[in-house]
Structure formats: C-alpha cells, structure tokens
C-alpha cells in the first residue's frame, strides 16, 4: 500500500487492463446496437456493425498497448537511473 500512496509503483498499468476489457464490452454493445437497432435488419447495418466491432477492438488494443509502452519505458529508465 505504501508503494501506491507514495508513487513508488505505478497503479495505472494495472488499471489499463481493466479499461481495455471495459472498452471491448462497450465496442461489442455498440456494434450489436448498430446491427439490431432501428427499424428492421439490413445488410448495410450488419456490415457497419461488424466493422465497428473490429475497428473498435483493434483501436482499443492499440491505444492500451501504447499506454503500456509508456509505462514500460518509465520502468526501464528507472532501472537505468538506479545503476
């Protein structure tokens, strides 16, 4: 607990994993709402919904990986500073 309160360890990398899964759920719900929402079912809505789910999942993954890379850089710089 002391590490978190005095910023000796980073809490955000642990939170990023939770945020990633939350973003995947939101993307899935949004895609399904696009496919089945509105009046009737159409091929265009199916394509748009599937594209939304795929691009949203890939975008969420890329965004979370970039954040994790920043924290890994921080860890490596911290190790170099300790040497």
PDB file of N, CA and C in Angstrom:
ATOM      1  N   UNK A   1       0.827  -1.195   0.000  1.00  0.00           N
ATOM      2  CA  UNK A   1       0.000   0.000   0.000  1.00  0.00           C
ATOM      3  C   UNK A   1       0.865   1.249   0.000  1.00  0.00           C
ATOM      4  N   UNK A   2       2.001   1.176   0.690  1.00  0.00           N
ATOM      5  CA  UNK A   2       2.900   2.325   0.765  1.00  0.00           C
ATOM      6  C   UNK A   2       3.403   2.713  -0.617  1.00  0.00           C
ATOM      7  N   UNK A   3       3.703   1.706  -1.464  1.00  0.00           N
ATOM      8  CA  UNK A   3       4.203   1.982  -2.805  1.00  0.00           C
ATOM      9  C   UNK A   3       3.210   2.800  -3.622  1.00  0.00           C
ATOM     10  N   UNK A   4       1.932   2.486  -3.477  1.00  0.00           N
ATOM     11  CA  UNK A   4       0.907   3.206  -4.226  1.00  0.00           C
ATOM     12  C   UNK A   4       0.718   4.608  -3.668  1.00  0.00           C
ATOM     13  N   UNK A   5       0.694   4.736  -2.354  1.00  0.00           N
ATOM     14  CA  UNK A   5       0.451   6.050  -1.747  1.00  0.00           C
ATOM     15  C   UNK A   5       1.595   7.031  -1.969  1.00  0.00           C
ATOM     16  N   UNK A   6       2.827   6.539  -2.061  1.00  0.00           N
ATOM     17  CA  UNK A   6       3.977   7.419  -2.244  1.00  0.00           C
ATOM     18  C   UNK A   6       4.538   7.362  -3.662  1.00  0.00           C
ATOM     19  N   UNK A   7       3.763   6.834  -4.606  1.00  0.00           N
ATOM     20  CA  UNK A   7       4.103   6.787  -6.031  1.00  0.00           C
ATOM     21  C   UNK A   7       5.417   6.052  -6.306  1.00  0.00           C
ATOM     22  N   UNK A   8       5.735   5.036  -5.499  1.00  0.00           N
ATOM     23  CA  UNK A   8       6.909   4.209  -5.773  1.00  0.00           C
ATOM     24  C   UNK A   8       6.609   3.172  -6.849  1.00  0.00           C
ATOM     25  N   UNK A   9       5.367   2.770  -6.967  1.00  0.00           N
ATOM     26  CA  UNK A   9       4.962   1.881  -8.056  1.00  0.00           C
ATOM     27  C   UNK A   9       3.777   2.516  -8.772  1.00  0.00           C
ATOM     28  N   UNK A  10       3.648   2.170 -10.026  1.00  0.00           N
ATOM     29  CA  UNK A  10       2.587   2.746 -10.848  1.00  0.00           C
ATOM     30  C   UNK A  10       1.311   1.912 -10.742  1.00  0.00           C
ATOM     31  N   UNK A  11       0.217   2.575 -10.520  1.00  0.00           N
ATOM     32  CA  UNK A  11      -1.081   1.922 -10.420  1.00  0.00           C
ATOM     33  C   UNK A  11      -1.753   1.836 -11.791  1.00  0.00           C
ATOM     34  N   UNK A  12      -1.466   2.778 -12.665  1.00  0.00           N
ATOM     35  CA  UNK A  12      -2.150   2.875 -13.948  1.00  0.00           C
ATOM     36  C   UNK A  12      -1.989   1.643 -14.833  1.00  0.00           C
ATOM     37  N   UNK A  13      -0.816   1.011 -14.928  1.00  0.00           N
ATOM     38  CA  UNK A  13      -0.753  -0.192 -15.769  1.00  0.00           C
ATOM     39  C   UNK A  13      -1.729  -1.287 -15.350  1.00  0.00           C
ATOM     40  N   UNK A  14      -2.018  -1.362 -14.072  1.00  0.00           N
ATOM     41  CA  UNK A  14      -2.989  -2.350 -13.607  1.00  0.00           C
ATOM     42  C   UNK A  14      -4.406  -1.950 -14.007  1.00  0.00           C
ATOM     43  N   UNK A  15      -4.655  -0.657 -14.026  1.00  0.00           N
ATOM     44  CA  UNK A  15      -5.977  -0.151 -14.380  1.00  0.00           C
ATOM     45  C   UNK A  15      -6.208  -0.258 -15.890  1.00  0.00           C
ATOM     46  N   UNK A  16      -5.144  -0.135 -16.673  1.00  0.00           N
ATOM     47  CA  UNK A  16      -5.277  -0.165 -18.130  1.00  0.00           C
ATOM     48  C   UNK A  16      -5.873  -1.493 -18.598  1.00  0.00           C
ATOM     49  N   UNK A  17      -5.527  -2.591 -17.968  1.00  0.00           N
ATOM     50  CA  UNK A  17      -6.092  -3.887 -18.339  1.00  0.00           C
ATOM     51  C   UNK A  17      -7.601  -3.894 -18.133  1.00  0.00           C
ATOM     52  N   UNK A  18      -8.053  -3.370 -17.012  1.00  0.00           N
ATOM     53  CA  UNK A  18      -9.491  -3.277 -16.753  1.00  0.00           C
ATOM     54  C   UNK A  18     -10.163  -2.371 -17.774  1.00  0.00           C
ATOM     55  N   UNK A  19      -9.547  -1.242 -18.073  1.00  0.00           N
ATOM     56  CA  UNK A  19     -10.105  -0.295 -19.042  1.00  0.00           C
ATOM     57  C   UNK A  19     -10.203  -0.946 -20.424  1.00  0.00           C
ATOM     58  N   UNK A  20      -9.194  -1.742 -20.791  1.00  0.00           N
ATOM     59  CA  UNK A  20      -9.217  -2.428 -22.083  1.00  0.00           C
ATOM     60  C   UNK A  20     -10.426  -3.354 -22.190  1.00  0.00           C
ATOM     61  N   UNK A  21     -10.669  -4.170 -21.167  1.00  0.00           N
ATOM     62  CA  UNK A  21     -11.809  -5.082 -21.213  1.00  0.00           C
ATOM     63  C   UNK A  21     -13.130  -4.323 -21.199  1.00  0.00           C
ATOM     64  N   UNK A  22     -13.173  -3.224 -20.468  1.00  0.00           N
ATOM     65  CA  UNK A  22     -14.375  -2.388 -20.456  1.00  0.00           C
ATOM     66  C   UNK A  22     -14.630  -1.797 -21.838  1.00  0.00           C
ATOM     67  N   UNK A  23     -13.568  -1.347 -22.501  1.00  0.00           N
ATOM     68  CA  UNK A  23     -13.713  -0.797 -23.854  1.00  0.00           C
ATOM     69  C   UNK A  23     -14.191  -1.873 -24.831  1.00  0.00           C
ATOM     70  N   UNK A  24     -13.708  -3.100 -24.686  1.00  0.00           N
ATOM     71  CA  UNK A  24     -14.170  -4.182 -25.561  1.00  0.00           C
ATOM     72  C   UNK A  24     -15.661  -4.450 -25.376  1.00  0.00           C
ATOM     73  N   UNK A  25     -16.133  -4.407 -24.150  1.00  0.00           N
ATOM     74  CA  UNK A  25     -17.562  -4.616 -23.891  1.00  0.00           C
ATOM     75  C   UNK A  25     -18.384  -3.500 -24.529  1.00  0.00           C
ATOM     76  N   UNK A  26     -17.918  -2.258 -24.388  1.00  0.00           N
ATOM     77  CA  UNK A  26     -18.628  -1.113 -24.975  1.00  0.00           C
ATOM     78  C   UNK A  26     -18.649  -1.218 -26.495  1.00  0.00           C
ATOM     79  N   UNK A  27     -17.523  -1.613 -27.093  1.00  0.00           N
ATOM     80  CA  UNK A  27     -17.461  -1.768 -28.550  1.00  0.00           C
ATOM     81  C   UNK A  27     -18.425  -2.870 -29.006  1.00  0.00           C
ATOM     82  N   UNK A  28     -18.463  -3.969 -28.289  1.00  0.00           N
ATOM     83  CA  UNK A  28     -19.367  -5.062 -28.638  1.00  0.00           C
ATOM     84  C   UNK A  28     -20.824  -4.624 -28.552  1.00  0.00           C
ATOM     85  N   UNK A  29     -21.181  -3.951 -27.478  1.00  0.00           N
ATOM     86  CA  UNK A  29     -22.555  -3.478 -27.312  1.00  0.00           C
ATOM     87  C   UNK A  29     -22.909  -2.470 -28.395  1.00  0.00           C
ATOM     88  N   UNK A  30     -21.994  -1.562 -28.712  1.00  0.00           N
ATOM     89  CA  UNK A  30     -22.252  -0.568 -29.755  1.00  0.00           C
ATOM     90  C   UNK A  30     -22.444  -1.230 -31.114  1.00  0.00           C
ATOM     91  N   UNK A  31     -21.612  -2.212 -31.411  1.00  0.00           N
ATOM     92  CA  UNK A  31     -21.756  -2.912 -32.685  1.00  0.00           C
ATOM     93  C   UNK A  31     -23.068  -3.669 -32.780  1.00  0.00           C
ATOM     94  N   UNK A  32     -23.425  -4.345 -31.709  1.00  0.00           N
ATOM     95  CA  UNK A  32     -24.695  -5.077 -31.707  1.00  0.00           C
ATOM     96  C   UNK A  32     -25.889  -4.128 -31.781  1.00  0.00           C
ATOM     97  N   UNK A  33     -25.785  -2.991 -31.124  1.00  0.00           N
ATOM     98  CA  UNK A  33     -26.863  -1.994 -31.187  1.00  0.00           C
ATOM     99  C   UNK A  33     -26.998  -1.446 -32.602  1.00  0.00           C
ATOM    100  N   UNK A  34     -25.868  -1.262 -33.281  1.00  0.00           N
ATOM    101  CA  UNK A  34     -25.910  -0.796 -34.661  1.00  0.00           C
ATOM    102  C   UNK A  34     -26.551  -1.839 -35.563  1.00  0.00           C
ATOM    103  N   UNK A  35     -26.226  -3.102 -35.347  1.00  0.00           N
ATOM    104  CA  UNK A  35     -26.762  -4.172 -36.194  1.00  0.00           C
ATOM    105  C   UNK A  35     -28.268  -4.354 -35.969  1.00  0.00           C
ATOM    106  N   UNK A  36     -28.687  -4.411 -34.713  1.00  0.00           N
ATOM    107  CA  UNK A  36     -30.074  -4.760 -34.411  1.00  0.00           C
ATOM    108  C   UNK A  36     -30.948  -3.559 -34.046  1.00  0.00           C
ATOM    109  N   UNK A  37     -30.385  -2.358 -33.971  1.00  0.00           N
ATOM    110  CA  UNK A  37     -31.161  -1.176 -33.626  1.00  0.00           C
ATOM    111  C   UNK A  37     -31.915  -0.629 -34.820  1.00  0.00           C
ATOM    112  N   UNK A  38     -32.822   0.261 -34.550  1.00  0.00           N
ATOM    113  CA  UNK A  38     -33.571   0.879 -35.639  1.00  0.00           C
ATOM    114  C   UNK A  38     -34.697  -0.008 -36.134  1.00  0.00           C
ATOM    115  N   UNK A  39     -35.111   0.260 -37.354  1.00  0.00           N
ATOM    116  CA  UNK A  39     -36.240  -0.465 -37.932  1.00  0.00           C
ATOM    117  C   UNK A  39     -35.738  -1.542 -38.878  1.00  0.00           C
ATOM    118  N   UNK A  40     -35.975  -2.768 -38.529  1.00  0.00           N
ATOM    119  CA  UNK A  40     -35.641  -3.875 -39.401  1.00  0.00           C
ATOM    120  C   UNK A  40     -34.162  -4.215 -39.417  1.00  0.00           C
ATOM    121  N   UNK A  41     -33.856  -5.214 -40.212  1.00  0.00           N
ATOM    122  CA  UNK A  41     -32.494  -5.707 -40.344  1.00  0.00           C
ATOM    123  C   UNK A  41     -32.060  -5.499 -41.785  1.00  0.00           C
ATOM    124  N   UNK A  42     -30.858  -4.969 -41.973  1.00  0.00           N
ATOM    125  CA  UNK A  42     -30.367  -4.782 -43.335  1.00  0.00           C
ATOM    126  C   UNK A  42     -28.905  -5.202 -43.414  1.00  0.00           C
ATOM    127  N   UNK A  43     -28.490  -5.504 -44.620  1.00  0.00           N
ATOM    128  CA  UNK A  43     -27.118  -5.936 -44.859  1.00  0.00           C
ATOM    129  C   UNK A  43     -26.131  -4.813 -44.546  1.00  0.00           C
ATOM    130  N   UNK A  44     -26.511  -3.568 -44.843  1.00  0.00           N
ATOM    131  CA  UNK A  44     -25.632  -2.421 -44.587  1.00  0.00           C
ATOM    132  C   UNK A  44     -25.373  -2.244 -43.096  1.00  0.00           C
ATOM    133  N   UNK A  45     -26.428  -2.395 -42.310  1.00  0.00           N
ATOM    134  CA  UNK A  45     -26.260  -2.273 -40.857  1.00  0.00           C
ATOM    135  C   UNK A  45     -25.375  -3.387 -40.315  1.00  0.00           C
ATOM    136  N   UNK A  46     -25.489  -4.573 -40.886  1.00  0.00           N
ATOM    137  CA  UNK A  46     -24.651  -5.688 -40.474  1.00  0.00           C
ATOM    138  C   UNK A  46     -23.180  -5.386 -40.754  1.00  0.00           C
ATOM    139  N   UNK A  47     -22.894  -4.907 -41.938  1.00  0.00           N
ATOM    140  CA  UNK A  47     -21.508  -4.585 -42.311  1.00  0.00           C
ATOM    141  C   UNK A  47     -20.965  -3.468 -41.430  1.00  0.00           C
ATOM    142  N   UNK A  48     -21.737  -2.409 -41.232  1.00  0.00           N
ATOM    143  CA  UNK A  48     -21.289  -1.288 -40.404  1.00  0.00           C
ATOM    144  C   UNK A  48     -21.065  -1.737 -38.967  1.00  0.00           C
ATOM    145  N   UNK A  49     -21.964  -2.538 -38.432  1.00  0.00           N
ATOM    146  CA  UNK A  49     -21.822  -3.038 -37.060  1.00  0.00           C
ATOM    147  C   UNK A  49     -20.596  -3.913 -36.891  1.00  0.00           C
ATOM    148  N   UNK A  50     -20.361  -4.803 -37.851  1.00  0.00           N
ATOM    149  CA  UNK A  50     -19.177  -5.667 -37.772  1.00  0.00           C
ATOM    150  C   UNK A  50     -17.892  -4.865 -37.913  1.00  0.00           C
ATOM    151  N   UNK A  51     -17.881  -3.903 -38.845  1.00  0.00           N
ATOM    152  CA  UNK A  51     -16.700  -3.040 -38.988  1.00  0.00           C
ATOM    153  C   UNK A  51     -16.453  -2.225 -37.724  1.00  0.00           C
ATOM    154  N   UNK A  52     -17.536  -1.767 -37.117  1.00  0.00           N
ATOM    155  CA  UNK A  52     -17.408  -1.005 -35.876  1.00  0.00           C
ATOM    156  C   UNK A  52     -16.790  -1.862 -34.777  1.00  0.00           C
ATOM    157  N   UNK A  53     -17.216  -3.122 -34.688  1.00  0.00           N
ATOM    158  CA  UNK A  53     -16.684  -4.002 -33.654  1.00  0.00           C
ATOM    159  C   UNK A  53     -15.208  -4.329 -33.907  1.00  0.00           C
ATOM    160  N   UNK A  54     -14.860  -4.603 -35.147  1.00  0.00           N
ATOM    161  CA  UNK A  54     -13.475  -4.965 -35.461  1.00  0.00           C
ATOM    162  C   UNK A  54     -12.551  -3.768 -35.280  1.00  0.00           C
ATOM    163  N   UNK A  55     -12.901  -2.634 -35.880  1.00  0.00           N
ATOM    164  CA  UNK A  55     -12.023  -1.456 -35.772  1.00  0.00           C
ATOM    165  C   UNK A  55     -11.990  -0.918 -34.346  1.00  0.00           C
ATOM    166  N   UNK A  56     -13.100  -1.012 -33.639  1.00  0.00           N
ATOM    167  CA  UNK A  56     -13.115  -0.571 -32.247  1.00  0.00           C
ATOM    168  C   UNK A  56     -12.232  -1.429 -31.367  1.00  0.00           C
ATOM    169  N   UNK A  57     -12.280  -2.737 -31.577  1.00  0.00           N
ATOM    170  CA  UNK A  57     -11.443  -3.650 -30.786  1.00  0.00           C
ATOM    171  C   UNK A  57      -9.966  -3.435 -31.091  1.00  0.00           C
ATOM    172  N   UNK A  58      -9.642  -3.275 -32.369  1.00  0.00           N
ATOM    173  CA  UNK A  58      -8.240  -3.036 -32.744  1.00  0.00           C
ATOM    174  C   UNK A  58      -7.768  -1.680 -32.214  1.00  0.00           C
ATOM    175  N   UNK A  59      -8.611  -0.670 -32.334  1.00  0.00           N
ATOM    176  CA  UNK A  59      -8.252   0.661 -31.833  1.00  0.00           C
ATOM    177  C   UNK A  59      -8.051   0.672 -30.319  1.00  0.00           C
ATOM    178  N   UNK A  60      -8.919  -0.018 -29.599  1.00  0.00           N
ATOM    179  CA  UNK A  60      -8.783  -0.100 -28.143  1.00  0.00           C
ATOM    180  C   UNK A  60      -7.487  -0.799 -27.772  1.00  0.00           C
ATOM    181  N   UNK A  61      -7.168  -1.864 -28.498  1.00  0.00           N
ATOM    182  CA  UNK A  61      -5.935  -2.611 -28.216  1.00  0.00           C
ATOM    183  C   UNK A  61      -4.703  -1.740 -28.463  1.00  0.00           C
ATOM    184  N   UNK A  62      -4.685  -1.033 -29.587  1.00  0.00           N
ATOM    185  CA  UNK A  62      -3.548  -0.173 -29.917  1.00  0.00           C
ATOM    186  C   UNK A  62      -3.388   0.925 -28.881  1.00  0.00           C
ATOM    187  N   UNK A  63      -4.484   1.557 -28.492  1.00  0.00           N
ATOM    188  CA  UNK A  63      -4.418   2.644 -27.516  1.00  0.00           C
ATOM    189  C   UNK A  63      -3.879   2.142 -26.176  1.00  0.00           C
ATOM    190  N   UNK A  64      -4.382   0.986 -25.722  1.00  0.00           N
ATOM    191  CA  UNK A  64      -3.919   0.434 -24.444  1.00  0.00           C
ATOM    192  C   UNK A  64      -2.458  -0.013 -24.531  1.00  0.00           C
ATOM    193  N   UNK A  65      -2.059  -0.590 -25.655  1.00  0.00           N
ATOM    194  CA  UNK A  65      -0.665  -1.003 -25.807  1.00  0.00           C
ATOM    195  C   UNK A  65       0.271   0.202 -25.798  1.00  0.00           C
ATOM    196  N   UNK A  66      -0.131   1.295 -26.415  1.00  0.00           N
ATOM    197  CA  UNK A  66       0.705   2.499 -26.396  1.00  0.00           C
ATOM    198  C   UNK A  66       0.873   3.025 -24.971  1.00  0.00           C
ATOM    199  N   UNK A  67      -0.194   2.992 -24.202  1.00  0.00           N
ATOM    200  CA  UNK A  67      -0.081   3.423 -22.808  1.00  0.00           C
ATOM    201  C   UNK A  67       0.838   2.502 -22.014  1.00  0.00           C
ATOM    202  N   UNK A  68       0.725   1.204 -22.226  1.00  0.00           N
ATOM    203  CA  UNK A  68       1.583   0.247 -21.529  1.00  0.00           C
ATOM    204  C   UNK A  68       3.043   0.464 -21.918  1.00  0.00           C
ATOM    205  N   UNK A  69       3.303   0.751 -23.201  1.00  0.00           N
ATOM    206  CA  UNK A  69       4.676   1.007 -23.653  1.00  0.00           C
ATOM    207  C   UNK A  69       5.263   2.200 -22.909  1.00  0.00           C
ATOM    208  N   UNK A  70       4.470   3.241 -22.707  1.00  0.00           N
ATOM    209  CA  UNK A  70       4.969   4.397 -21.957  1.00  0.00           C
ATOM    210  C   UNK A  70       5.390   4.013 -20.548  1.00  0.00           C
ATOM    211  N   UNK A  71       4.612   3.171 -19.898  1.00  0.00           N
ATOM    212  CA  UNK A  71       4.967   2.768 -18.545  1.00  0.00           C
ATOM    213  C   UNK A  71       6.156   1.803 -18.529  1.00  0.00           C
ATOM    214  N   UNK A  72       6.299   0.983 -19.554  1.00  0.00           N
ATOM    215  CA  UNK A  72       7.479   0.117 -19.639  1.00  0.00           C
ATOM    216  C   UNK A  72       8.738   0.948 -19.861  1.00  0.00           C
ATOM    217  N   UNK A  73       8.624   1.994 -20.663  1.00  0.00           N
ATOM    218  CA  UNK A  73       9.757   2.908 -20.846  1.00  0.00           C
ATOM    219  C   UNK A  73      10.125   3.529 -19.506  1.00  0.00           C
ATOM    220  N   UNK A  74       9.127   3.922 -18.745  1.00  0.00           N
ATOM    221  CA  UNK A  74       9.372   4.507 -17.422  1.00  0.00           C
ATOM    222  C   UNK A  74      10.106   3.513 -16.522  1.00  0.00           C
ATOM    223  N   UNK A  75       9.662   2.259 -16.537  1.00  0.00           N
ATOM    224  CA  UNK A  75      10.325   1.242 -15.708  1.00  0.00           C
ATOM    225  C   UNK A  75      11.780   1.045 -16.118  1.00  0.00           C
ATOM    226  N   UNK A  76      12.029   1.012 -17.425  1.00  0.00           N
ATOM    227  CA  UNK A  76      13.404   0.825 -17.898  1.00  0.00           C
ATOM    228  C   UNK A  76      14.294   2.019 -17.580  1.00  0.00           C
ATOM    229  N   UNK A  77      13.763   3.218 -17.697  1.00  0.00           N
ATOM    230  CA  UNK A  77      14.535   4.412 -17.341  1.00  0.00           C
ATOM    231  C   UNK A  77      14.823   4.424 -15.847  1.00  0.00           C
ATOM    232  N   UNK A  78      13.860   3.992 -15.062  1.00  0.00           N
ATOM    233  CA  UNK A  78      14.039   3.920 -13.610  1.00  0.00           C
ATOM    234  C   UNK A  78      15.155   2.928 -13.263  1.00  0.00           C
ATOM    235  N   UNK A  79      15.181   1.772 -13.948  1.00  0.00           N
ATOM    236  CA  UNK A  79      16.242   0.786 -13.719  1.00  0.00           C
ATOM    237  C   UNK A  79      17.606   1.344 -14.118  1.00  0.00           C
ATOM    238  N   UNK A  80      17.657   2.061 -15.218  1.00  0.00           N
ATOM    239  CA  UNK A  80      18.914   2.657 -15.667  1.00  0.00           C
ATOM    240  C   UNK A  80      19.405   3.708 -14.676  1.00  0.00           C
ATOM    241  N   UNK A  81      18.495   4.463 -14.101  1.00  0.00           N
ATOM    242  CA  UNK A  81      18.860   5.503 -13.137  1.00  0.00           C
ATOM    243  C   UNK A  81      19.384   4.901 -11.839  1.00  0.00           C
ATOM    244  N   UNK A  82      18.887   3.719 -11.499  1.00  0.00           N
ATOM    245  CA  UNK A  82      19.351   3.060 -10.267  1.00  0.00           C
ATOM    246  C   UNK A  82      20.739   2.468 -10.407  1.00  0.00           C
ATOM    247  N   UNK A  83      21.181   2.220 -11.638  1.00  0.00           N
ATOM    248  CA  UNK A  83      22.515   1.613 -11.833  1.00  0.00           C
ATOM    249  C   UNK A  83      23.628   2.572 -11.596  1.00  0.00           C
TER     250      UNK A  83
END
